[in-house]
């Protein structure tokens, strides 16, 4: 099911959560969609090194190249990771609304979507003395498959709702 590539999604809740995702799916390497401004910042070289593909804003030519890059990744059976909430909220306990574009890519390329979530729990024992940040748990769900019997729009909406629910 996953040998021809998948799209993984996860809630974006702290700076290095993508590294947690990479550790969870190893030895698979994947590409990551990231806002262009993140690639221009101090973490830009690291984001590029782990397969960052910039999401352009306000430039139609750049958006066409972005779409072609994502299409190439998925057509070549690679893995693609997206934070479909669109932004990071530190240690936010709930799932925020998901952007539908990633599910459109999944439907158009007939790729499964693997939902991953990060939840938090209170620190216990001696670790409470050293930091106030909660402990993070990473949960990997079952792959969600696009419904090929529906139109692209209907299948995208259905996959979007299923992923949010999971």
N, C-alpha and C. Protein backbone atom coordinates (compact mmCIF):
# COMPACT_ATOMS: atom_id res chain seq x y z
N UNK A 1 0.82 -1.21 0.00
CA UNK A 1 0.00 0.00 0.00
C UNK A 1 0.86 1.27 0.00
N UNK A 2 2.00 1.21 0.68
CA UNK A 2 2.80 2.44 0.80
C UNK A 2 4.07 2.41 -0.05
N UNK A 3 4.31 1.34 -0.79
CA UNK A 3 5.57 1.27 -1.53
C UNK A 3 5.64 2.25 -2.69
N UNK A 4 4.51 2.74 -3.17
CA UNK A 4 4.49 3.71 -4.27
C UNK A 4 4.33 5.14 -3.78
N UNK A 5 4.62 5.37 -2.51
CA UNK A 5 4.57 6.72 -1.95
C UNK A 5 3.29 7.00 -1.21
N UNK A 6 3.39 7.91 -0.27
CA UNK A 6 2.25 8.34 0.53
C UNK A 6 2.41 9.82 0.87
N UNK A 7 1.36 10.36 1.42
CA UNK A 7 1.41 11.70 2.00
C UNK A 7 1.17 11.53 3.49
N UNK A 8 2.09 12.05 4.30
CA UNK A 8 1.88 12.04 5.74
C UNK A 8 1.46 13.44 6.16
N UNK A 9 0.57 13.49 7.15
CA UNK A 9 0.13 14.78 7.69
C UNK A 9 0.26 14.74 9.21
N UNK A 10 0.47 15.90 9.80
CA UNK A 10 0.61 15.96 11.26
C UNK A 10 0.26 17.36 11.73
N UNK A 11 -0.24 17.46 12.95
CA UNK A 11 -0.45 18.78 13.54
C UNK A 11 0.93 19.36 13.87
N UNK A 12 1.06 20.68 13.69
CA UNK A 12 2.35 21.36 13.85
C UNK A 12 2.32 22.09 15.19
N UNK A 13 3.01 21.52 16.20
CA UNK A 13 2.83 22.02 17.56
C UNK A 13 4.11 22.43 18.29
N UNK A 14 5.27 22.15 17.71
CA UNK A 14 6.51 22.71 18.26
C UNK A 14 7.58 22.72 17.18
N UNK A 15 8.67 23.43 17.45
CA UNK A 15 9.67 23.72 16.43
C UNK A 15 10.22 22.47 15.74
N UNK A 16 10.51 21.44 16.48
CA UNK A 16 11.20 20.29 15.91
C UNK A 16 10.29 19.07 15.75
N UNK A 17 9.00 19.27 15.61
CA UNK A 17 8.09 18.12 15.47
C UNK A 17 8.33 17.34 14.18
N UNK A 18 8.82 17.99 13.15
CA UNK A 18 9.09 17.27 11.91
C UNK A 18 10.18 16.22 12.11
N UNK A 19 11.16 16.52 12.96
CA UNK A 19 12.19 15.52 13.25
C UNK A 19 11.59 14.31 13.96
N UNK A 20 10.58 14.53 14.78
CA UNK A 20 9.87 13.41 15.42
C UNK A 20 9.18 12.55 14.36
N UNK A 21 8.56 13.21 13.38
CA UNK A 21 7.90 12.47 12.30
C UNK A 21 8.94 11.67 11.52
N UNK A 22 10.07 12.28 11.20
CA UNK A 22 11.12 11.56 10.47
C UNK A 22 11.59 10.33 11.24
N UNK A 23 11.75 10.48 12.54
CA UNK A 23 12.18 9.33 13.35
C UNK A 23 11.11 8.23 13.36
N UNK A 24 9.85 8.63 13.36
CA UNK A 24 8.77 7.65 13.41
C UNK A 24 8.64 6.84 12.12
N UNK A 25 8.96 7.45 10.98
CA UNK A 25 8.78 6.75 9.70
C UNK A 25 10.09 6.22 9.13
N UNK A 26 11.19 6.35 9.89
CA UNK A 26 12.48 5.89 9.35
C UNK A 26 12.39 4.42 8.96
N UNK A 27 13.07 3.95 8.00
CA UNK A 27 14.14 4.60 7.24
C UNK A 27 13.65 5.38 6.04
N UNK A 28 12.36 5.62 5.92
CA UNK A 28 11.84 6.38 4.79
C UNK A 28 12.33 7.83 4.86
N UNK A 29 12.68 8.35 3.70
CA UNK A 29 12.99 9.77 3.59
C UNK A 29 11.84 10.39 2.84
N UNK A 30 11.54 11.62 3.14
CA UNK A 30 10.42 12.24 2.47
C UNK A 30 10.71 13.70 2.20
N UNK A 31 9.81 14.30 1.49
CA UNK A 31 9.88 15.73 1.21
C UNK A 31 8.89 16.43 2.11
N UNK A 32 9.14 17.70 2.35
CA UNK A 32 8.35 18.49 3.29
C UNK A 32 7.93 19.79 2.62
N UNK A 33 6.65 20.11 2.72
CA UNK A 33 6.19 21.41 2.24
C UNK A 33 6.37 22.42 3.38
N UNK A 34 7.03 23.54 3.06
CA UNK A 34 7.29 24.56 4.07
C UNK A 34 7.08 25.94 3.45
N UNK A 35 6.58 26.86 4.25
CA UNK A 35 6.40 28.23 3.76
C UNK A 35 7.75 28.78 3.33
N UNK A 36 7.74 29.53 2.26
CA UNK A 36 8.96 30.10 1.69
C UNK A 36 9.74 30.90 2.75
N UNK A 37 9.04 31.62 3.61
CA UNK A 37 9.71 32.42 4.64
C UNK A 37 10.50 31.55 5.62
N UNK A 38 10.03 30.31 5.85
CA UNK A 38 10.77 29.40 6.74
C UNK A 38 12.09 28.98 6.12
N UNK A 39 12.13 28.84 4.81
CA UNK A 39 13.37 28.47 4.13
C UNK A 39 14.34 29.64 4.04
N UNK A 40 13.85 30.84 4.22
CA UNK A 40 14.72 32.02 4.19
C UNK A 40 15.24 32.38 5.57
N UNK A 41 14.67 31.79 6.61
CA UNK A 41 15.07 32.10 7.98
C UNK A 41 16.30 31.32 8.42
N UNK A 42 16.61 31.40 9.71
CA UNK A 42 17.81 30.74 10.22
C UNK A 42 17.77 29.21 10.14
N UNK A 43 16.57 28.63 10.10
CA UNK A 43 16.46 27.17 9.98
C UNK A 43 16.35 26.70 8.53
N UNK A 44 16.44 27.65 7.59
CA UNK A 44 16.30 27.34 6.17
C UNK A 44 17.21 26.23 5.67
N UNK A 45 18.53 26.29 5.99
CA UNK A 45 19.41 25.21 5.51
C UNK A 45 18.99 23.83 6.02
N UNK A 46 18.57 23.75 7.26
CA UNK A 46 18.13 22.46 7.81
C UNK A 46 16.84 21.99 7.13
N UNK A 47 15.92 22.90 6.88
CA UNK A 47 14.66 22.54 6.22
C UNK A 47 14.95 22.05 4.80
N UNK A 48 15.86 22.73 4.10
CA UNK A 48 16.23 22.27 2.76
C UNK A 48 16.90 20.90 2.83
N UNK A 49 17.75 20.69 3.83
CA UNK A 49 18.49 19.44 3.97
C UNK A 49 17.56 18.24 4.18
N UNK A 50 16.45 18.47 4.89
CA UNK A 50 15.50 17.37 5.13
C UNK A 50 14.43 17.28 4.04
N UNK A 51 14.64 17.97 2.92
CA UNK A 51 13.73 17.83 1.78
C UNK A 51 12.67 18.90 1.66
N UNK A 52 12.93 20.07 2.20
CA UNK A 52 11.94 21.15 2.17
C UNK A 52 11.65 21.64 0.76
N UNK A 53 10.39 21.75 0.44
CA UNK A 53 9.92 22.34 -0.82
C UNK A 53 9.17 23.61 -0.44
N UNK A 54 9.64 24.78 -0.93
CA UNK A 54 8.99 26.03 -0.52
C UNK A 54 7.60 26.20 -1.12
N UNK A 55 6.67 26.64 -0.29
CA UNK A 55 5.32 27.00 -0.74
C UNK A 55 5.35 28.49 -1.06
N UNK A 56 5.25 28.85 -2.32
CA UNK A 56 5.33 30.27 -2.67
C UNK A 56 4.05 31.02 -2.33
N UNK A 57 4.18 32.32 -2.20
CA UNK A 57 3.00 33.17 -1.95
C UNK A 57 3.05 34.35 -2.92
N UNK A 58 1.94 34.61 -3.56
CA UNK A 58 1.81 35.80 -4.39
C UNK A 58 2.52 35.78 -5.72
N UNK A 59 2.98 34.63 -6.20
CA UNK A 59 3.69 34.55 -7.47
C UNK A 59 3.15 33.35 -8.25
N UNK A 60 2.47 33.62 -9.33
CA UNK A 60 1.82 32.55 -10.09
C UNK A 60 2.84 31.62 -10.74
N UNK A 61 3.95 32.17 -11.27
CA UNK A 61 4.98 31.32 -11.88
C UNK A 61 5.60 30.39 -10.84
N UNK A 62 5.86 30.94 -9.66
CA UNK A 62 6.44 30.11 -8.59
C UNK A 62 5.43 29.05 -8.14
N UNK A 63 4.15 29.39 -8.12
CA UNK A 63 3.13 28.42 -7.72
C UNK A 63 3.05 27.28 -8.74
N UNK A 64 3.21 27.58 -10.02
CA UNK A 64 3.21 26.53 -11.04
C UNK A 64 4.41 25.61 -10.86
N UNK A 65 5.58 26.17 -10.55
CA UNK A 65 6.77 25.35 -10.31
C UNK A 65 6.60 24.51 -9.05
N UNK A 66 5.96 25.09 -8.05
CA UNK A 66 5.68 24.35 -6.81
C UNK A 66 4.80 23.15 -7.10
N UNK A 67 3.72 23.38 -7.84
CA UNK A 67 2.80 22.30 -8.18
C UNK A 67 3.52 21.21 -8.97
N UNK A 68 4.37 21.60 -9.91
CA UNK A 68 5.14 20.62 -10.68
C UNK A 68 6.10 19.82 -9.79
N UNK A 69 6.72 20.48 -8.82
CA UNK A 69 7.64 19.79 -7.91
C UNK A 69 6.89 18.76 -7.07
N UNK A 70 5.72 19.14 -6.55
CA UNK A 70 4.92 18.21 -5.75
C UNK A 70 4.44 17.05 -6.62
N UNK A 71 3.99 17.36 -7.84
CA UNK A 71 3.56 16.30 -8.75
C UNK A 71 4.69 15.33 -9.03
N UNK A 72 5.91 15.84 -9.23
CA UNK A 72 7.06 14.99 -9.51
C UNK A 72 7.38 14.08 -8.32
N UNK A 73 7.33 14.64 -7.12
CA UNK A 73 7.59 13.85 -5.92
C UNK A 73 6.59 12.69 -5.82
N UNK A 74 5.32 12.98 -6.01
CA UNK A 74 4.29 11.96 -5.87
C UNK A 74 4.30 10.96 -7.02
N UNK A 75 4.57 11.42 -8.25
CA UNK A 75 4.62 10.52 -9.39
C UNK A 75 5.79 9.55 -9.30
N UNK A 76 6.87 9.97 -8.63
CA UNK A 76 8.05 9.12 -8.49
C UNK A 76 7.97 8.20 -7.27
N UNK A 77 6.82 8.13 -6.63
CA UNK A 77 6.64 7.21 -5.51
C UNK A 77 7.34 7.62 -4.24
N UNK A 78 7.64 8.89 -4.09
CA UNK A 78 8.30 9.38 -2.88
C UNK A 78 7.25 9.70 -1.82
N UNK A 79 7.72 9.94 -0.62
CA UNK A 79 6.84 10.33 0.48
C UNK A 79 6.85 11.85 0.60
N UNK A 80 5.69 12.41 0.90
CA UNK A 80 5.54 13.85 1.07
C UNK A 80 4.91 14.11 2.43
N UNK A 81 5.47 15.05 3.18
CA UNK A 81 4.89 15.40 4.48
C UNK A 81 4.35 16.82 4.43
N UNK A 82 3.17 17.00 5.03
CA UNK A 82 2.53 18.31 5.07
C UNK A 82 1.96 18.55 6.46
N UNK A 83 2.09 19.77 6.92
CA UNK A 83 1.39 20.20 8.13
C UNK A 83 0.14 20.93 7.64
N UNK A 84 -0.99 20.22 7.50
CA UNK A 84 -2.16 20.80 6.83
C UNK A 84 -2.89 21.89 7.62
N UNK A 85 -2.49 22.13 8.85
CA UNK A 85 -3.11 23.24 9.59
C UNK A 85 -2.60 24.58 9.06
N UNK A 86 -1.43 24.57 8.43
CA UNK A 86 -0.90 25.77 7.78
C UNK A 86 0.00 26.63 8.63
N UNK A 87 0.04 26.41 9.93
CA UNK A 87 0.91 27.20 10.79
C UNK A 87 1.16 26.42 12.09
N UNK A 88 2.13 26.90 12.84
CA UNK A 88 2.48 26.23 14.09
C UNK A 88 1.93 27.02 15.28
N UNK A 89 1.28 26.29 16.19
CA UNK A 89 0.84 26.86 17.46
C UNK A 89 1.50 26.00 18.54
N UNK A 90 2.40 26.59 19.30
CA UNK A 90 3.15 25.84 20.29
C UNK A 90 2.24 25.12 21.29
N UNK A 91 2.41 23.81 21.39
CA UNK A 91 1.77 22.95 22.38
C UNK A 91 0.24 23.04 22.38
N UNK A 92 -0.34 23.35 21.24
CA UNK A 92 -1.80 23.43 21.15
C UNK A 92 -2.38 22.03 21.27
N UNK A 93 -3.33 21.82 22.16
CA UNK A 93 -3.80 20.45 22.45
C UNK A 93 -4.80 19.87 21.45
N UNK A 94 -5.43 20.71 20.63
CA UNK A 94 -6.47 20.22 19.72
C UNK A 94 -5.98 20.29 18.27
N UNK A 95 -6.75 19.69 17.39
CA UNK A 95 -6.47 19.75 15.95
C UNK A 95 -7.24 20.95 15.40
N UNK A 96 -6.52 21.81 14.71
CA UNK A 96 -7.14 22.98 14.09
C UNK A 96 -7.65 22.62 12.70
N UNK A 97 -8.44 23.47 12.07
CA UNK A 97 -8.94 23.17 10.73
C UNK A 97 -7.79 22.88 9.75
N UNK A 98 -8.01 21.91 8.87
CA UNK A 98 -7.00 21.49 7.91
C UNK A 98 -7.25 22.16 6.56
N UNK A 99 -6.18 22.54 5.89
CA UNK A 99 -6.29 23.10 4.55
C UNK A 99 -6.56 21.94 3.58
N UNK A 100 -7.46 22.13 2.61
CA UNK A 100 -7.85 21.02 1.73
C UNK A 100 -6.87 20.69 0.61
N UNK A 101 -5.90 21.55 0.31
CA UNK A 101 -5.03 21.35 -0.86
C UNK A 101 -4.29 20.03 -0.81
N UNK A 102 -3.79 19.65 0.36
CA UNK A 102 -3.02 18.40 0.46
C UNK A 102 -3.88 17.20 0.09
N UNK A 103 -5.14 17.24 0.40
CA UNK A 103 -6.03 16.12 0.09
C UNK A 103 -6.34 16.08 -1.41
N UNK A 104 -6.31 17.24 -2.05
CA UNK A 104 -6.47 17.29 -3.49
C UNK A 104 -5.28 16.60 -4.18
N UNK A 105 -4.07 16.84 -3.68
CA UNK A 105 -2.89 16.15 -4.21
C UNK A 105 -3.04 14.64 -4.04
N UNK A 106 -3.51 14.22 -2.88
CA UNK A 106 -3.67 12.78 -2.61
C UNK A 106 -4.67 12.16 -3.58
N UNK A 107 -5.77 12.85 -3.83
CA UNK A 107 -6.81 12.32 -4.72
C UNK A 107 -6.30 12.29 -6.17
N UNK A 108 -5.69 13.39 -6.61
CA UNK A 108 -5.23 13.46 -8.00
C UNK A 108 -4.15 12.42 -8.32
N UNK A 109 -3.34 12.08 -7.31
CA UNK A 109 -2.27 11.10 -7.53
C UNK A 109 -2.60 9.72 -6.95
N UNK A 110 -3.80 9.59 -6.40
CA UNK A 110 -4.26 8.34 -5.79
C UNK A 110 -3.25 7.79 -4.79
N UNK A 111 -2.87 8.63 -3.84
CA UNK A 111 -1.91 8.26 -2.80
C UNK A 111 -2.62 8.19 -1.45
N UNK A 112 -2.25 7.22 -0.62
CA UNK A 112 -2.82 7.17 0.72
C UNK A 112 -2.30 8.32 1.57
N UNK A 113 -3.10 8.71 2.54
CA UNK A 113 -2.72 9.74 3.51
C UNK A 113 -2.57 9.05 4.86
N UNK A 114 -1.40 9.21 5.48
CA UNK A 114 -1.17 8.64 6.80
C UNK A 114 -1.28 9.77 7.82
N UNK A 115 -2.33 9.76 8.64
CA UNK A 115 -2.47 10.81 9.65
C UNK A 115 -1.58 10.52 10.86
N UNK A 116 -0.86 11.54 11.28
CA UNK A 116 -0.01 11.47 12.46
C UNK A 116 -0.43 12.62 13.36
N UNK A 117 -0.56 12.35 14.64
CA UNK A 117 -0.87 13.44 15.58
C UNK A 117 0.11 13.43 16.73
N UNK A 118 0.31 14.61 17.26
CA UNK A 118 1.14 14.76 18.44
C UNK A 118 0.23 15.25 19.56
N UNK A 119 0.24 14.52 20.66
CA UNK A 119 -0.54 14.93 21.84
C UNK A 119 0.45 15.15 22.97
N UNK A 120 -0.04 15.75 24.03
CA UNK A 120 0.83 16.10 25.15
C UNK A 120 0.31 15.54 26.45
N UNK A 121 1.24 15.31 27.35
CA UNK A 121 0.88 14.86 28.70
C UNK A 121 1.80 15.57 29.69
N UNK A 122 1.31 15.66 30.90
CA UNK A 122 2.05 16.32 31.96
C UNK A 122 3.31 15.52 32.31
N UNK A 123 4.37 16.24 32.59
CA UNK A 123 5.60 15.57 33.02
C UNK A 123 5.41 15.03 34.43
N UNK A 124 6.06 13.92 34.70
CA UNK A 124 5.98 13.30 36.02
C UNK A 124 7.40 13.13 36.56
N UNK A 125 7.50 12.93 37.84
CA UNK A 125 8.79 12.64 38.45
C UNK A 125 9.77 13.79 38.41
N UNK A 126 11.03 13.45 38.33
CA UNK A 126 12.10 14.44 38.44
C UNK A 126 12.17 15.39 37.24
N UNK A 127 11.66 14.96 36.09
CA UNK A 127 11.73 15.82 34.90
C UNK A 127 10.93 17.11 35.08
N UNK A 128 9.95 17.10 35.98
CA UNK A 128 9.16 18.32 36.24
C UNK A 128 10.04 19.45 36.78
N UNK A 129 11.15 19.10 37.40
CA UNK A 129 12.05 20.11 37.98
C UNK A 129 12.86 20.85 36.93
N UNK A 130 13.03 20.24 35.75
CA UNK A 130 13.94 20.80 34.75
C UNK A 130 13.25 21.59 33.65
N UNK A 131 11.99 21.31 33.40
CA UNK A 131 11.28 22.03 32.33
C UNK A 131 9.77 22.02 32.60
N UNK A 132 9.12 23.02 32.10
CA UNK A 132 7.66 23.11 32.25
C UNK A 132 6.92 22.63 31.00
N UNK A 133 7.67 22.39 29.91
CA UNK A 133 7.01 21.93 28.69
C UNK A 133 6.49 20.51 28.89
N UNK A 134 5.35 20.19 28.30
CA UNK A 134 4.79 18.84 28.46
C UNK A 134 5.56 17.81 27.64
N UNK A 135 5.37 16.55 27.96
CA UNK A 135 5.91 15.45 27.16
C UNK A 135 5.03 15.27 25.93
N UNK A 136 5.66 14.91 24.83
CA UNK A 136 4.92 14.72 23.58
C UNK A 136 4.82 13.24 23.24
N UNK A 137 3.65 12.83 22.78
CA UNK A 137 3.41 11.47 22.28
C UNK A 137 3.02 11.58 20.82
N UNK A 138 3.61 10.75 19.97
CA UNK A 138 3.30 10.75 18.55
C UNK A 138 2.47 9.52 18.23
N UNK A 139 1.35 9.73 17.57
CA UNK A 139 0.41 8.65 17.23
C UNK A 139 0.30 8.55 15.71
N UNK A 140 0.44 7.34 15.18
CA UNK A 140 0.35 7.12 13.74
C UNK A 140 -0.93 6.35 13.45
N UNK A 141 -1.77 6.92 12.61
CA UNK A 141 -3.05 6.30 12.27
C UNK A 141 -2.93 5.38 11.06
N UNK A 142 -4.00 4.70 10.77
CA UNK A 142 -4.07 3.83 9.60
C UNK A 142 -4.14 4.71 8.34
N UNK A 143 -3.56 4.23 7.23
CA UNK A 143 -3.63 5.00 5.98
C UNK A 143 -5.08 5.22 5.53
N UNK A 144 -5.35 6.42 5.06
CA UNK A 144 -6.66 6.76 4.51
C UNK A 144 -6.53 6.78 2.99
N UNK A 145 -7.43 6.11 2.30
CA UNK A 145 -7.35 6.02 0.85
C UNK A 145 -8.37 6.92 0.18
N UNK A 146 -7.98 7.57 -0.92
CA UNK A 146 -8.95 8.37 -1.66
C UNK A 146 -10.02 7.48 -2.28
N UNK A 147 -11.24 7.96 -2.33
CA UNK A 147 -12.35 7.22 -2.92
C UNK A 147 -12.35 7.49 -4.43
N UNK A 148 -11.91 6.52 -5.20
CA UNK A 148 -11.78 6.71 -6.65
C UNK A 148 -13.11 6.66 -7.39
N UNK A 149 -14.20 6.33 -6.69
CA UNK A 149 -15.51 6.30 -7.34
C UNK A 149 -16.17 7.67 -7.38
N UNK A 150 -15.61 8.63 -6.65
CA UNK A 150 -16.18 9.98 -6.59
C UNK A 150 -15.43 10.92 -7.51
N UNK A 151 -16.03 12.09 -7.75
CA UNK A 151 -15.32 13.12 -8.50
C UNK A 151 -14.15 13.62 -7.66
N UNK A 152 -13.22 14.33 -8.28
CA UNK A 152 -12.05 14.82 -7.55
C UNK A 152 -12.47 15.71 -6.39
N UNK A 153 -13.42 16.60 -6.61
CA UNK A 153 -13.87 17.51 -5.55
C UNK A 153 -14.52 16.74 -4.40
N UNK A 154 -15.43 15.81 -4.75
CA UNK A 154 -16.10 15.03 -3.70
C UNK A 154 -15.11 14.15 -2.94
N UNK A 155 -14.18 13.51 -3.66
CA UNK A 155 -13.19 12.65 -3.01
C UNK A 155 -12.25 13.47 -2.11
N UNK A 156 -11.90 14.67 -2.57
CA UNK A 156 -11.06 15.57 -1.77
C UNK A 156 -11.77 15.95 -0.48
N UNK A 157 -13.04 16.34 -0.59
CA UNK A 157 -13.82 16.72 0.59
C UNK A 157 -13.96 15.54 1.56
N UNK A 158 -14.22 14.36 1.02
CA UNK A 158 -14.39 13.19 1.88
C UNK A 158 -13.09 12.85 2.61
N UNK A 159 -11.96 12.85 1.90
CA UNK A 159 -10.66 12.55 2.51
C UNK A 159 -10.29 13.61 3.55
N UNK A 160 -10.60 14.85 3.24
CA UNK A 160 -10.36 15.97 4.16
C UNK A 160 -11.10 15.77 5.48
N UNK A 161 -12.37 15.42 5.38
CA UNK A 161 -13.19 15.20 6.58
C UNK A 161 -12.72 13.96 7.36
N UNK A 162 -12.40 12.89 6.65
CA UNK A 162 -11.92 11.67 7.31
C UNK A 162 -10.63 11.95 8.08
N UNK A 163 -9.71 12.66 7.45
CA UNK A 163 -8.42 12.95 8.09
C UNK A 163 -8.61 13.81 9.34
N UNK A 164 -9.49 14.80 9.26
CA UNK A 164 -9.72 15.64 10.42
C UNK A 164 -10.34 14.82 11.56
N UNK A 165 -11.27 13.97 11.21
CA UNK A 165 -11.93 13.15 12.23
C UNK A 165 -10.94 12.21 12.91
N UNK A 166 -10.06 11.58 12.14
CA UNK A 166 -9.07 10.66 12.69
C UNK A 166 -8.10 11.43 13.58
